[in-house]
PDB file of N, CA and C in Angstrom:
ATOM      1  N   MET A   1      99.353  87.510  88.179  1.00  0.00           N
ATOM      2  CA  MET A   1      98.264  86.613  87.448  1.00  0.00           C
ATOM      3  C   MET A   1      97.391  85.896  87.869  1.00  0.00           C
ATOM      4  N   SER A   2      96.333  86.042  87.246  1.00  0.00           N
ATOM      5  CA  SER A   2      94.706  85.475  87.775  1.00  0.00           C
ATOM      6  C   SER A   2      94.536  84.143  86.967  1.00  0.00           C
ATOM      7  N   ASP A   3      93.996  83.325  87.586  1.00  0.00           N
ATOM      8  CA  ASP A   3      93.853  82.199  87.182  1.00  0.00           C
ATOM      9  C   ASP A   3      91.898  82.191  86.600  1.00  0.00           C
ATOM     10  N   HIS A   4      90.972  83.025  86.723  1.00  0.00           N
ATOM     11  CA  HIS A   4      90.618  82.952  86.296  1.00  0.00           C
ATOM     12  C   HIS A   4      89.725  83.781  84.654  1.00  0.00           C
ATOM     13  N   PRO A   5      89.879  82.176  83.802  1.00  0.00           N
ATOM     14  CA  PRO A   5      89.332  82.722  83.341  1.00  0.00           C
ATOM     15  C   PRO A   5      88.266  83.650  82.550  1.00  0.00           C
ATOM     16  N   GLU A   6      87.700  84.473  83.105  1.00  0.00           N
ATOM     17  CA  GLU A   6      86.675  85.124  82.421  1.00  0.00           C
ATOM     18  C   GLU A   6      87.608  87.148  82.547  1.00  0.00           C
ATOM     19  N   ALA A   7      88.447  86.872  83.633  1.00  0.00           N
ATOM     20  CA  ALA A   7      89.145  88.044  84.109  1.00  0.00           C
ATOM     21  C   ALA A   7      90.434  88.092  83.829  1.00  0.00           C
ATOM     22  N   PRO A   8      90.975  87.962  82.885  1.00  0.00           N
ATOM     23  CA  PRO A   8      92.906  87.113  83.203  1.00  0.00           C
ATOM     24  C   PRO A   8      93.124  88.861  83.400  1.00  0.00           C
ATOM     25  N   VAL A   9      94.534  88.741  84.585  1.00  0.00           N
ATOM     26  CA  VAL A   9      95.007  90.113  84.645  1.00  0.00           C
ATOM     27  C   VAL A   9      96.365  89.700  84.285  1.00  0.00           C
ATOM     28  N   THR A  10      97.052  91.109  83.621  1.00  0.00           N
ATOM     29  CA  THR A  10      98.256  91.073  83.207  1.00  0.00           C
ATOM     30  C   THR A  10      98.965  92.377  83.724  1.00  0.00           C
ATOM     31  N   PRO A  11     100.274  92.226  84.319  1.00  0.00           N
ATOM     32  CA  PRO A  11     100.546  93.296  84.762  1.00  0.00           C
ATOM     33  C   PRO A  11     101.358  94.438  83.822  1.00  0.00           C
ATOM     34  N   LEU A  12     101.310  96.180  83.917  1.00  0.00           N
ATOM     35  CA  LEU A  12     101.520  97.073  82.997  1.00  0.00           C
ATOM     36  C   LEU A  12     102.847  97.306  83.230  1.00  0.00           C
ATOM     37  N   ALA A  13     102.903  97.777  82.472  1.00  0.00           N
ATOM     38  CA  ALA A  13     104.677  98.035  82.284  1.00  0.00           C
ATOM     39  C   ALA A  13     104.735  99.392  83.667  1.00  0.00           C
ATOM     40  N   ALA A  14     106.240  99.377  83.391  1.00  0.00           N
ATOM     41  CA  ALA A  14     106.520 100.241  84.524  1.00  0.00           C
ATOM     42  C   ALA A  14     106.379 101.746  84.341  1.00  0.00           C
ATOM     43  N   PRO A  15     105.850 102.727  84.679  1.00  0.00           N
ATOM     44  CA  PRO A  15     105.899 103.854  84.009  1.00  0.00           C
ATOM     45  C   PRO A  15     108.018 104.475  84.227  1.00  0.00           C
ATOM     46  N   GLU A  16     108.319 105.175  83.606  1.00  0.00           N
ATOM     47  CA  GLU A  16     109.610 106.332  83.459  1.00  0.00           C
ATOM     48  C   GLU A  16     110.089 106.626  84.613  1.00  0.00           C
ATOM     49  N   PRO A  17     110.893 106.041  85.229  1.00  0.00           N
ATOM     50  CA  PRO A  17     111.383 107.173  86.023  1.00  0.00           C
ATOM     51  C   PRO A  17     111.070 108.469  86.437  1.00  0.00           C
ATOM     52  N   SER A  18     110.902 109.040  87.622  1.00  0.00           N
ATOM     53  CA  SER A  18     111.192 108.753  88.733  1.00  0.00           C
ATOM     54  C   SER A  18     110.526 109.093  89.735  1.00  0.00           C
ATOM     55  N   TYR A  19     110.437 108.147  90.558  1.00  0.00           N
ATOM     56  CA  TYR A  19     109.675 107.853  91.882  1.00  0.00           C
ATOM     57  C   TYR A  19     109.974 108.645  92.943  1.00  0.00           C
ATOM     58  N   TYR A  20     109.406 108.488  93.626  1.00  0.00           N
ATOM     59  CA  TYR A  20     108.948 109.683  94.657  1.00  0.00           C
ATOM     60  C   TYR A  20     107.862 108.582  95.700  1.00  0.00           C
ATOM     61  N   LEU A  21     108.098 108.208  97.066  1.00  0.00           N
ATOM     62  CA  LEU A  21     107.701 107.677  97.838  1.00  0.00           C
ATOM     63  C   LEU A  21     107.438 108.579  99.264  1.00  0.00           C
ATOM     64  N   ALA A  22     106.257 108.560  99.346  1.00  0.00           N
ATOM     65  CA  ALA A  22     106.262 109.751 100.773  1.00  0.00           C
ATOM     66  C   ALA A  22     105.762 109.240 101.939  1.00  0.00           C
ATOM     67  N   VAL A  23     106.804 108.947 103.162  1.00  0.00           N
ATOM     68  CA  VAL A  23     106.406 107.901 104.087  1.00  0.00           C
ATOM     69  C   VAL A  23     105.825 108.570 105.333  1.00  0.00           C
ATOM     70  N   PHE A  24     105.316 108.174 106.131  1.00  0.00           N
ATOM     71  CA  PHE A  24     105.477 109.142 107.440  1.00  0.00           C
ATOM     72  C   PHE A  24     104.501 108.716 108.392  1.00  0.00           C
ATOM     73  N   SER A  25     105.191 108.308 109.890  1.00  0.00           N
ATOM     74  CA  SER A  25     104.691 107.299 110.928  1.00  0.00           C
ATOM     75  C   SER A  25     105.059 108.426 112.358  1.00  0.00           C
ATOM     76  N   ALA A  26     103.784 108.248 112.898  1.00  0.00           N
ATOM     77  CA  ALA A  26     103.505 108.752 114.384  1.00  0.00           C
ATOM     78  C   ALA A  26     103.693 107.389 115.157  1.00  0.00           C
ATOM     79  N   VAL A  27     104.157 108.229 116.582  1.00  0.00           N
ATOM     80  CA  VAL A  27     103.845 107.629 117.595  1.00  0.00           C
ATOM     81  C   VAL A  27     102.431 107.895 118.652  1.00  0.00           C
ATOM     82  N   ARG A  28     101.144 107.750 118.750  1.00  0.00           N
ATOM     83  CA  ARG A  28     100.329 108.242 119.672  1.00  0.00           C
ATOM     84  C   ARG A  28     100.620 108.124 120.791  1.00  0.00           C
ATOM     85  N   THR A  29      99.976 109.277 121.065  1.00  0.00           N
ATOM     86  CA  THR A  29     100.336 108.964 123.271  1.00  0.00           C
ATOM     87  C   THR A  29      99.046 109.568 123.890  1.00  0.00           C
ATOM     88  N   GLU A  30      99.003 109.635 125.112  1.00  0.00           N
ATOM     89  CA  GLU A  30      97.496 110.053 125.450  1.00  0.00           C
ATOM     90  C   GLU A  30      97.475 111.082 125.381  1.00  0.00           C
ATOM     91  N   ASP A  31      98.886 112.412 125.447  1.00  0.00           N
ATOM     92  CA  ASP A  31      98.814 113.594 125.542  1.00  0.00           C
ATOM     93  C   ASP A  31      98.809 113.963 123.612  1.00  0.00           C
ATOM     94  N   GLN A  32      97.834 114.455 123.353  1.00  0.00           N
ATOM     95  CA  GLN A  32      97.255 114.725 121.913  1.00  0.00           C
ATOM     96  C   GLN A  32      97.616 116.109 121.395  1.00  0.00           C
ATOM     97  N   SER A  33      97.843 116.323 122.620  1.00  0.00           N
ATOM     98  CA  SER A  33      98.415 118.412 122.498  1.00  0.00           C
ATOM     99  C   SER A  33      98.808 118.353 120.878  1.00  0.00           C
ATOM    100  N   GLY A  34      98.350 119.461 120.243  1.00  0.00           N
ATOM    101  CA  GLY A  34      98.942 119.638 118.911  1.00  0.00           C
ATOM    102  C   GLY A  34      98.443 118.653 117.513  1.00  0.00           C
ATOM    103  N   PHE A  35      97.850 117.461 118.045  1.00  0.00           N
ATOM    104  CA  PHE A  35      97.862 116.635 117.024  1.00  0.00           C
ATOM    105  C   PHE A  35      96.229 117.465 116.104  1.00  0.00           C
ATOM    106  N   GLY A  36      95.035 117.830 116.599  1.00  0.00           N
ATOM    107  CA  GLY A  36      94.630 118.392 116.146  1.00  0.00           C
ATOM    108  C   GLY A  36      94.961 119.165 114.376  1.00  0.00           C
ATOM    109  N   GLU A  37      95.625 120.733 115.317  1.00  0.00           N
ATOM    110  CA  GLU A  37      96.161 121.678 114.442  1.00  0.00           C
ATOM    111  C   GLU A  37      97.366 121.064 113.504  1.00  0.00           C
ATOM    112  N   THR A  38      98.184 120.015 113.604  1.00  0.00           N
ATOM    113  CA  THR A  38      99.011 119.340 112.631  1.00  0.00           C
ATOM    114  C   THR A  38      98.698 118.877 111.746  1.00  0.00           C
ATOM    115  N   ASN A  39      97.442 118.126 111.981  1.00  0.00           N
ATOM    116  CA  ASN A  39      96.276 117.039 110.993  1.00  0.00           C
ATOM    117  C   ASN A  39      95.493 118.818 109.929  1.00  0.00           C
ATOM    118  N   ALA A  40      95.080 119.650 110.670  1.00  0.00           N
ATOM    119  CA  ALA A  40      94.819 120.769 110.166  1.00  0.00           C
ATOM    120  C   ALA A  40      95.970 121.139 108.864  1.00  0.00           C
ATOM    121  N   ARG A  41      96.708 120.980 109.623  1.00  0.00           N
ATOM    122  CA  ARG A  41      97.748 121.756 108.497  1.00  0.00           C
ATOM    123  C   ARG A  41      98.219 121.051 107.125  1.00  0.00           C
ATOM    124  N   MET A  42      97.932 119.762 107.319  1.00  0.00           N
ATOM    125  CA  MET A  42      98.107 118.982 107.076  1.00  0.00           C
ATOM    126  C   MET A  42      97.534 118.460 105.548  1.00  0.00           C
ATOM    127  N   GLU A  43      96.056 118.430 106.064  1.00  0.00           N
ATOM    128  CA  GLU A  43      95.602 118.495 105.052  1.00  0.00           C
ATOM    129  C   GLU A  43      95.039 119.420 104.457  1.00  0.00           C
ATOM    130  N   ALA A  44      95.339 121.153 105.032  1.00  0.00           N
ATOM    131  CA  ALA A  44      95.185 122.145 104.289  1.00  0.00           C
ATOM    132  C   ALA A  44      96.289 122.445 102.784  1.00  0.00           C
ATOM    133  N   GLY A  45      97.710 121.484 103.256  1.00  0.00           N
ATOM    134  CA  GLY A  45      98.184 121.376 102.246  1.00  0.00           C
ATOM    135  C   GLY A  45      98.798 120.493 101.174  1.00  0.00           C
ATOM    136  N   GLY A  46      97.651 120.178 101.232  1.00  0.00           N
ATOM    137  CA  GLY A  46      97.010 118.728 100.359  1.00  0.00           C
ATOM    138  C   GLY A  46      98.203 117.339 100.903  1.00  0.00           C
ATOM    139  N   LEU A  47      98.540 117.339 101.762  1.00  0.00           N
ATOM    140  CA  LEU A  47      99.049 116.279 102.117  1.00  0.00           C
ATOM    141  C   LEU A  47      98.698 114.764 103.224  1.00  0.00           C
ATOM    142  N   THR A  48      97.477 114.978 102.909  1.00  0.00           N
ATOM    143  CA  THR A  48      96.810 113.491 103.554  1.00  0.00           C
ATOM    144  C   THR A  48      95.932 112.994 102.238  1.00  0.00           C
ATOM    145  N   GLY A  49      95.942 111.743 102.370  1.00  0.00           N
ATOM    146  CA  GLY A  49      94.401 111.278 101.532  1.00  0.00           C
ATOM    147  C   GLY A  49      95.105 110.137 100.532  1.00  0.00           C
ATOM    148  N   SER A  50      94.414 109.778  99.887  1.00  0.00           N
ATOM    149  CA  SER A  50      94.980 108.805  98.586  1.00  0.00           C
ATOM    150  C   SER A  50      95.310 109.528  97.478  1.00  0.00           C
ATOM    151  N   ARG A  51      96.100 109.377  96.732  1.00  0.00           N
ATOM    152  CA  ARG A  51      96.157 110.064  95.383  1.00  0.00           C
ATOM    153  C   ARG A  51      96.135 108.432  94.398  1.00  0.00           C
ATOM    154  N   PRO A  52      95.446 109.504  93.002  1.00  0.00           N
ATOM    155  CA  PRO A  52      95.330 108.060  91.446  1.00  0.00           C
ATOM    156  C   PRO A  52      96.471 107.899  91.860  1.00  0.00           C
ATOM    157  N   ALA A  53      96.848 106.841  90.694  1.00  0.00           N
ATOM    158  CA  ALA A  53      97.807 106.245  90.310  1.00  0.00           C
ATOM    159  C   ALA A  53      98.192 107.229  88.884  1.00  0.00           C
ATOM    160  N   SER A  54      99.709 107.579  88.925  1.00  0.00           N
ATOM    161  CA  SER A  54      99.640 108.517  87.580  1.00  0.00           C
ATOM    162  C   SER A  54      99.779 107.268  86.383  1.00  0.00           C
ATOM    163  N   HIS A  55      99.689 107.432  85.693  1.00  0.00           N
ATOM    164  CA  HIS A  55     100.501 106.374  84.428  1.00  0.00           C
ATOM    165  C   HIS A  55     100.687 107.041  83.364  1.00  0.00           C
TER     166      HIS A  55
END
């Protein structure tokens, strides 16, 4: 909730299930071999970047 009188914020109702979450993590080291190729494959497959929330 917002205390600002001109722009109150109210929570939206949650969409119906099902929900999915994909989390990727990596430990980067000095040796970056293969990183560029893997990143390119992830970008080509649409696995990187932000996606708008669906309602």
